[in-house]
Protein backbone atom coordinates (compact mmCIF):
# COMPACT_ATOMS: atom_id res chain seq x y z
CA MET A 1 51.23 -76.22 -59.35
CA LEU A 2 54.71 -76.82 -57.94
CA ALA A 3 57.16 -73.92 -57.65
CA ASN A 4 59.33 -75.30 -60.47
CA GLU A 5 56.25 -75.46 -62.73
CA GLU A 6 55.38 -71.81 -62.17
CA LYS A 7 55.51 -69.77 -65.39
CA HIS A 8 57.30 -66.44 -65.65
CA TRP A 9 58.26 -64.18 -68.53
CA HIS A 10 61.88 -64.50 -69.66
CA ALA A 11 63.91 -62.92 -72.46
CA LEU A 12 65.56 -65.13 -75.04
CA TYR A 13 68.60 -63.96 -76.96
CA VAL A 14 68.28 -65.27 -80.53
CA LYS A 15 70.40 -65.26 -83.67
CA SER A 16 70.44 -61.98 -85.54
CA ARG A 17 67.47 -61.55 -87.90
CA SER A 18 65.85 -64.81 -86.80
CA GLU A 19 63.29 -63.41 -84.33
CA LYS A 20 60.26 -64.20 -86.51
CA LYS A 21 61.45 -67.74 -87.31
CA VAL A 22 62.09 -68.46 -83.63
CA ALA A 23 58.61 -67.13 -82.81
CA GLU A 24 57.08 -69.45 -85.44
CA ARG A 25 58.91 -72.45 -83.97
CA LEU A 26 57.84 -71.54 -80.43
CA GLU A 27 54.23 -71.26 -81.59
CA GLU A 28 54.46 -74.70 -83.23
CA MET A 29 55.64 -76.07 -79.86
CA GLY A 30 52.76 -74.38 -78.03
CA VAL A 31 55.03 -72.07 -76.04
CA ASP A 32 53.52 -68.75 -74.92
CA TYR A 33 55.78 -66.12 -76.52
CA PHE A 34 55.77 -62.39 -77.25
CA LEU A 35 57.63 -60.81 -80.15
CA PRO A 36 56.98 -57.05 -80.20
CA LEU A 37 56.90 -55.90 -83.83
CA VAL A 38 56.68 -52.36 -85.20
CA THR A 39 55.98 -51.23 -88.75
CA THR A 40 58.66 -49.05 -90.32
CA ILE A 41 59.35 -47.77 -93.80
CA LYS A 42 62.56 -49.10 -95.35
CA GLN A 43 64.25 -47.18 -98.16
CA TRP A 44 66.06 -48.98 -100.94
CA SER A 45 67.65 -47.32 -103.94
CA ASP A 46 64.63 -48.06 -106.12
CA ARG A 47 61.67 -48.19 -103.70
CA LYS A 48 60.22 -47.76 -100.24
CA LYS A 49 58.44 -50.56 -98.42
CA ARG A 50 56.57 -50.93 -95.13
CA VAL A 51 58.06 -53.78 -93.12
CA GLU A 52 57.40 -55.24 -89.69
CA GLU A 53 60.54 -55.55 -87.63
CA PRO A 54 61.24 -56.44 -83.99
CA LEU A 55 61.19 -53.60 -81.49
CA PHE A 56 64.11 -55.30 -79.69
CA LYS A 57 66.57 -56.80 -82.16
CA SER A 58 67.66 -60.38 -81.31
CA TYR A 59 65.15 -60.83 -78.45
CA VAL A 60 61.96 -62.85 -78.03
CA PHE A 61 60.05 -63.11 -74.74
CA VAL A 62 58.64 -66.42 -73.48
CA ASN A 63 56.25 -67.22 -70.64
CA SER A 64 57.68 -70.51 -69.42
CA SER A 65 58.40 -72.72 -66.46
CA PRO A 66 61.88 -74.08 -65.67
CA LYS A 67 60.92 -77.56 -66.92
CA GLU A 68 60.29 -76.06 -70.42
CA HIS A 69 63.64 -74.27 -70.62
CA TYR A 70 65.59 -77.18 -72.09
CA SER A 71 63.16 -77.67 -74.98
CA ILE A 72 63.08 -73.90 -75.62
CA LEU A 73 66.89 -73.79 -75.75
CA ASN A 74 66.80 -76.54 -78.39
CA VAL A 75 64.74 -74.37 -80.77
CA TYR A 76 66.86 -73.55 -83.81
CA GLY A 77 67.90 -69.90 -83.61
CA VAL A 78 67.73 -69.59 -79.81
CA MET A 79 71.14 -68.74 -78.41
CA ARG A 80 70.40 -68.53 -74.67
CA PHE A 81 68.17 -67.13 -71.96
CA VAL A 82 69.14 -63.71 -70.68
CA THR A 83 70.62 -64.58 -67.28
CA PHE A 84 71.88 -63.07 -64.07
CA GLU A 85 74.16 -65.21 -61.93
CA HIS A 86 73.47 -68.19 -64.23
CA GLN A 87 69.68 -68.00 -63.69
CA PRO A 88 67.20 -66.84 -66.36
CA VAL A 89 66.08 -63.30 -65.54
CA VAL A 90 62.37 -62.95 -64.81
CA VAL A 91 60.83 -60.07 -66.78
CA PRO A 92 57.99 -58.60 -64.70
CA LYS A 93 54.55 -59.03 -66.29
CA ASN A 94 53.87 -55.30 -65.92
CA GLN A 95 56.86 -54.59 -68.20
CA ILE A 96 55.54 -57.02 -70.82
CA ASP A 97 52.12 -55.33 -70.53
CA ALA A 98 53.73 -51.89 -70.93
CA ILE A 99 55.51 -53.03 -74.10
CA LYS A 100 52.22 -54.41 -75.45
CA ARG A 101 50.51 -51.06 -74.74
CA TYR A 102 53.35 -49.21 -76.43
CA ILE A 103 53.16 -51.48 -79.50
CA SER A 104 49.38 -51.11 -79.78
CA GLY A 105 49.74 -47.32 -80.01
CA TYR A 106 53.09 -47.24 -81.83
CA GLU A 107 51.94 -45.36 -84.94
CA ASP A 108 50.01 -42.81 -82.83
CA ASN A 109 52.96 -42.44 -80.44
CA LYS A 110 55.35 -41.93 -83.35
CA ALA A 111 53.16 -39.23 -84.93
CA ASN A 112 52.67 -37.44 -81.59
CA LEU A 113 56.39 -37.53 -80.79
CA GLU A 114 57.29 -36.03 -84.16
CA LYS A 115 54.89 -33.15 -83.43
CA ALA A 116 55.98 -32.55 -79.80
CA GLU A 117 58.05 -29.42 -79.33
CA LEU A 118 61.57 -29.91 -78.04
CA GLU A 119 63.96 -27.17 -77.02
CA GLU A 120 67.69 -27.31 -76.46
CA GLY A 121 68.48 -27.71 -72.76
CA GLN A 122 65.21 -29.56 -72.10
CA MET A 123 65.25 -32.88 -70.25
CA VAL A 124 64.12 -35.86 -72.34
CA ARG A 125 63.52 -39.58 -71.75
CA ILE A 126 64.56 -42.29 -74.21
CA ILE A 127 61.49 -44.42 -74.93
CA SER A 128 62.83 -47.14 -77.23
CA GLY A 129 66.01 -48.83 -78.29
CA PRO A 130 68.93 -50.07 -76.22
CA LEU A 131 68.98 -46.95 -74.01
CA ILE A 132 65.27 -47.11 -73.13
CA GLY A 133 64.42 -45.47 -69.81
CA LEU A 134 67.51 -43.25 -69.59
CA THR A 135 67.06 -39.51 -69.25
CA GLY A 136 69.29 -36.73 -70.44
CA LYS A 137 69.56 -33.14 -71.56
CA LEU A 138 68.83 -32.25 -75.18
CA ILE A 139 72.00 -30.61 -76.45
CA SER A 140 71.21 -30.18 -80.13
CA ALA A 141 68.42 -30.82 -82.59
CA LYS A 142 70.75 -31.32 -85.57
CA ASN A 143 67.83 -31.77 -87.89
CA ALA A 144 64.15 -32.66 -87.74
CA ARG A 145 64.91 -36.38 -87.38
CA HIS A 146 67.95 -36.67 -85.08
CA LEU A 147 68.93 -35.19 -81.74
CA ILE A 148 72.05 -35.13 -79.62
CA VAL A 149 71.23 -36.02 -76.02
CA TYR A 150 73.73 -35.71 -73.15
CA ILE A 151 73.30 -38.58 -70.66
CA ASP A 152 75.03 -38.89 -67.29
CA VAL A 153 75.47 -42.64 -66.66
CA VAL A 154 77.34 -44.09 -63.70
CA GLY A 155 79.26 -40.89 -63.21
CA GLN A 156 80.28 -40.81 -66.87
CA SER A 157 78.77 -38.51 -69.47
CA VAL A 158 77.86 -39.84 -72.87
CA SER A 159 76.63 -37.87 -75.85
CA VAL A 160 74.36 -39.94 -78.12
CA ASN A 161 72.96 -39.17 -81.53
CA ILE A 162 69.40 -40.52 -81.41
CA PRO A 163 66.37 -40.45 -83.73
CA ARG A 164 63.68 -37.94 -82.77
CA THR A 165 61.03 -40.67 -82.47
CA LYS A 166 62.95 -42.41 -79.67
CA VAL A 167 62.68 -39.59 -77.12
CA GLU A 168 59.91 -37.79 -75.30
CA PRO A 169 60.05 -34.55 -73.35
CA ILE A 170 59.96 -34.78 -69.58
CA ILE A 171 57.04 -32.51 -68.70
CA ASN A 172 57.43 -32.06 -64.94
CA GLN A 173 61.06 -31.12 -64.58
CA PRO A 174 62.27 -30.38 -61.06
CA SER A 175 63.35 -26.75 -60.71
């Protein structure tokens, strides 16, 4: 296989709320894709319903070679590849595998996180959402579902209000 035919994982930025449709179209084309979905409970005024929604809103991952990129970009709903210096960013396979492992145990992870004890002043790691991977100090547990976490990013401090299920305690804190 030539270097330009080598397949790598890439992230696609897609139209809002069209992740599942884009995934269907990619499957019809025979493109290897990954759309991480999680089951959540949505509350309407008259009912609750379990729905599957994307873990990363507006993103679908594809395992593709450069010669397939043009046809992938022509899929209705695909906006662009996530790029760096005008080149599609390669998402390491181990990160895709980690997301798959996380998804496979999502319900168990969610239940365990809700039970884990958190104390004010404790260091926590954000495990999902746009701030995934960042660490910070738990400032306040406003209620059982939301926390305020203080994060020091690029020399700037940011206080974020974040759902309890999106953080985990950091067990081995340096003294």
